[in-house]
Amino acid sequence: MLILGIDPGLNTTGYGIIDNSQNKLKFIEAGFIKTSVNDSIENRLLRIHEKLTEIIKRHKLDAVVLEKLYAHYKHPVTACLLGHARGAICLACAQSNIPLFEYAATRTKKAILGRGSASKLQVQQMALNLLSLKGRGDIPLDITDALSLAIAHSYIIKMNRIFK
């Protein structure tokens, strides 16, 4: 099972693909989709959509996992911009007919570390460890957040099968 995790952002969208087909987590690919703050919002969203569509076409994905939108009342504009990026991602998934799953950051942390209040650094370290990338401290949080979403989804679907 190939799972694409996405940490959405208008400036930087991190992504990571893992394979869980043999009940063992295997790192496949990870990276960024970057946009320029000098471009119009429509061109930035187009870039996210096009790059994500390219990634989807390169792999036979079984699922895409996206972090649920969290909006802090002090930053409504940030939430709106993030919502636009998420919309471009959701559209690419729908056009490619790939199931899309969404998890809150706390659910992802709980699935990976056993507690929803873990720090980003703890999540990063655990994701790298689980994917046998330990010692690769040069991998940015946008990417490890995306990988952690994919890992969490693999654990969550496994648990759902066990308890059905």
Protein backbone atom coordinates (compact mmCIF):
# COMPACT_ATOMS: atom_id res chain seq x y z
CA MET A 1 0.00 0.00 0.00
CA LEU A 2 1.49 3.33 -1.09
CA ILE A 3 0.46 6.25 1.09
CA LEU A 4 1.15 9.91 0.35
CA GLY A 5 1.18 12.23 3.34
CA ILE A 6 0.88 15.97 2.75
CA ASP A 7 1.67 18.85 5.10
CA PRO A 8 -0.18 21.65 3.28
CA GLY A 9 1.04 25.20 3.00
CA LEU A 10 0.76 28.03 0.53
CA ASN A 11 4.50 28.81 0.64
CA THR A 12 5.75 25.26 1.19
CA THR A 13 3.81 22.03 0.92
CA GLY A 14 5.73 19.07 2.27
CA TYR A 15 5.02 15.58 1.02
CA GLY A 16 6.19 12.07 1.80
CA ILE A 17 5.39 8.67 0.35
CA ILE A 18 5.72 5.41 2.23
CA ASP A 19 5.05 1.80 1.32
CA ASN A 20 3.29 -0.38 3.86
CA SER A 21 2.53 -3.31 1.57
CA GLN A 22 4.49 -5.92 3.54
CA ASN A 23 3.50 -4.72 7.02
CA LYS A 24 6.82 -2.93 7.18
CA LEU A 25 7.19 0.80 6.67
CA LYS A 26 9.42 1.70 3.74
CA PHE A 27 10.41 5.22 2.69
CA ILE A 28 9.77 5.87 -1.01
CA GLU A 29 10.06 9.61 -1.70
CA ALA A 30 9.71 12.99 -0.03
CA GLY A 31 10.11 16.64 -0.92
CA PHE A 32 8.59 20.08 -1.20
CA ILE A 33 6.27 21.97 -3.45
CA LYS A 34 7.36 25.60 -3.14
CA THR A 35 5.61 28.69 -4.42
CA SER A 36 6.81 32.26 -4.67
CA VAL A 37 5.25 34.98 -2.54
CA ASN A 38 5.67 37.24 -5.58
CA ASP A 39 3.23 35.17 -7.64
CA SER A 40 -0.53 35.68 -7.59
CA ILE A 41 -2.52 33.35 -5.36
CA GLU A 42 -4.11 31.66 -8.37
CA ASN A 43 -0.68 30.86 -9.84
CA ARG A 44 0.56 29.58 -6.50
CA LEU A 45 -2.44 27.28 -6.19
CA LEU A 46 -1.98 26.14 -9.78
CA ARG A 47 1.66 25.24 -9.02
CA ILE A 48 0.63 23.18 -5.97
CA HIS A 49 -2.06 21.41 -8.00
CA GLU A 50 0.21 20.70 -10.98
CA LYS A 51 3.17 19.46 -8.93
CA LEU A 52 0.96 17.26 -6.78
CA THR A 53 -0.72 15.84 -9.89
CA GLU A 54 2.76 14.99 -11.26
CA ILE A 55 3.64 13.19 -8.01
CA ILE A 56 0.36 11.27 -8.08
CA LYS A 57 0.91 10.21 -11.71
CA ARG A 58 4.43 8.90 -10.92
CA HIS A 59 3.13 6.54 -8.24
CA LYS A 60 0.19 4.18 -7.96
CA LEU A 61 -1.04 5.60 -4.70
CA ASP A 62 -3.61 3.85 -2.54
CA ALA A 63 -4.31 6.80 -0.27
CA VAL A 64 -3.52 10.46 0.36
CA VAL A 65 -3.47 11.79 3.90
CA LEU A 66 -3.85 15.47 4.68
CA GLU A 67 -3.62 17.29 7.97
CA LYS A 68 -6.97 18.70 9.05
CA LEU A 69 -7.29 22.44 9.03
CA TYR A 70 -6.61 24.06 12.36
CA ALA A 71 -7.58 27.70 12.60
CA HIS A 72 -6.46 29.85 15.49
CA TYR A 73 -8.82 32.72 16.15
CA LYS A 74 -5.91 35.19 16.16
CA HIS A 75 -4.86 34.25 12.61
CA PRO A 76 -7.97 33.92 10.40
CA VAL A 77 -6.18 35.04 7.22
CA THR A 78 -3.55 32.32 7.65
CA ALA A 79 -6.31 29.73 7.98
CA CYS A 80 -7.99 31.00 4.81
CA LEU A 81 -4.75 30.83 2.81
CA LEU A 82 -4.07 27.34 4.12
CA GLY A 83 -7.62 26.41 3.13
CA HIS A 84 -6.90 27.48 -0.44
CA ALA A 85 -3.83 25.23 -0.58
CA ARG A 86 -5.85 22.35 0.87
CA GLY A 87 -8.49 22.93 -1.81
CA ALA A 88 -5.90 22.56 -4.58
CA ILE A 89 -4.72 19.33 -2.96
CA CYS A 90 -8.24 17.94 -2.54
CA LEU A 91 -8.99 18.75 -6.19
CA ALA A 92 -5.88 16.87 -7.38
CA CYS A 93 -6.95 13.83 -5.34
CA ALA A 94 -10.51 13.94 -6.68
CA GLN A 95 -9.31 14.28 -10.27
CA SER A 96 -6.98 11.30 -9.77
CA ASN A 97 -9.68 9.26 -8.02
CA ILE A 98 -7.52 8.60 -4.96
CA PRO A 99 -9.09 8.24 -1.51
CA LEU A 100 -8.32 11.21 0.72
CA PHE A 101 -8.11 10.92 4.50
CA GLU A 102 -7.75 13.73 7.03
CA TYR A 103 -6.38 13.60 10.56
CA ALA A 104 -5.92 16.24 13.20
CA ALA A 105 -2.32 16.83 14.27
CA THR A 106 -3.14 15.43 17.71
CA ARG A 107 -4.49 12.18 16.21
CA THR A 108 -1.34 11.79 14.12
CA LYS A 109 0.88 12.35 17.16
CA LYS A 110 -1.15 9.90 19.22
CA ALA A 111 -0.94 7.20 16.52
CA ILE A 112 2.83 7.54 16.24
CA LEU A 113 3.93 8.44 19.75
CA GLY A 114 1.01 7.46 21.94
CA ARG A 115 0.19 11.00 23.03
CA GLY A 116 -1.34 13.91 21.19
CA SER A 117 0.75 16.58 22.88
CA ALA A 118 4.12 15.49 21.49
CA SER A 119 6.40 18.17 20.09
CA LYS A 120 7.20 18.54 16.39
CA LEU A 121 10.78 17.46 17.15
CA GLN A 122 9.57 14.26 18.85
CA VAL A 123 7.35 13.49 15.87
CA GLN A 124 10.25 14.15 13.50
CA GLN A 125 12.59 11.85 15.40
CA MET A 126 10.03 9.05 15.60
CA ALA A 127 9.10 9.30 11.91
CA LEU A 128 12.77 9.14 10.90
CA ASN A 129 13.33 6.21 13.24
CA LEU A 130 10.30 4.26 11.97
CA LEU A 131 11.43 4.73 8.37
CA SER A 132 15.05 3.76 9.15
CA LEU A 133 16.19 7.30 8.38
CA LYS A 134 17.53 7.85 11.90
CA GLY A 135 20.50 10.19 11.94
CA ARG A 136 19.09 12.23 9.06
CA GLY A 137 18.48 15.38 11.07
CA ASP A 138 18.72 17.40 7.86
CA ILE A 139 15.18 16.46 6.82
CA PRO A 140 12.93 19.50 7.42
CA LEU A 141 9.80 19.45 9.55
CA ASP A 142 7.50 20.01 6.55
CA ILE A 143 8.66 16.68 5.16
CA THR A 144 8.67 14.74 8.44
CA ASP A 145 5.20 16.09 9.24
CA ALA A 146 4.00 14.72 5.89
CA LEU A 147 5.72 11.38 6.48
CA SER A 148 4.19 11.19 9.96
CA LEU A 149 0.71 11.60 8.45
CA ALA A 150 1.37 8.67 6.11
CA ILE A 151 2.74 6.54 8.97
CA ALA A 152 -0.22 7.40 11.20
CA HIS A 153 -2.65 6.41 8.46
CA SER A 154 -0.95 3.04 8.04
CA TYR A 155 -1.29 2.43 11.81
CA ILE A 156 -4.89 3.68 11.96
CA ILE A 157 -6.11 1.48 9.09
CA LYS A 158 -4.29 -1.50 10.60
CA MET A 159 -6.03 -0.93 13.94
CA ASN A 160 -9.39 -0.48 12.21
CA ARG A 161 -8.96 -3.89 10.56
CA ILE A 162 -8.05 -5.54 13.87
CA PHE A 163 -11.04 -4.15 15.74
CA LYS A 164 -13.67 -4.73 13.05
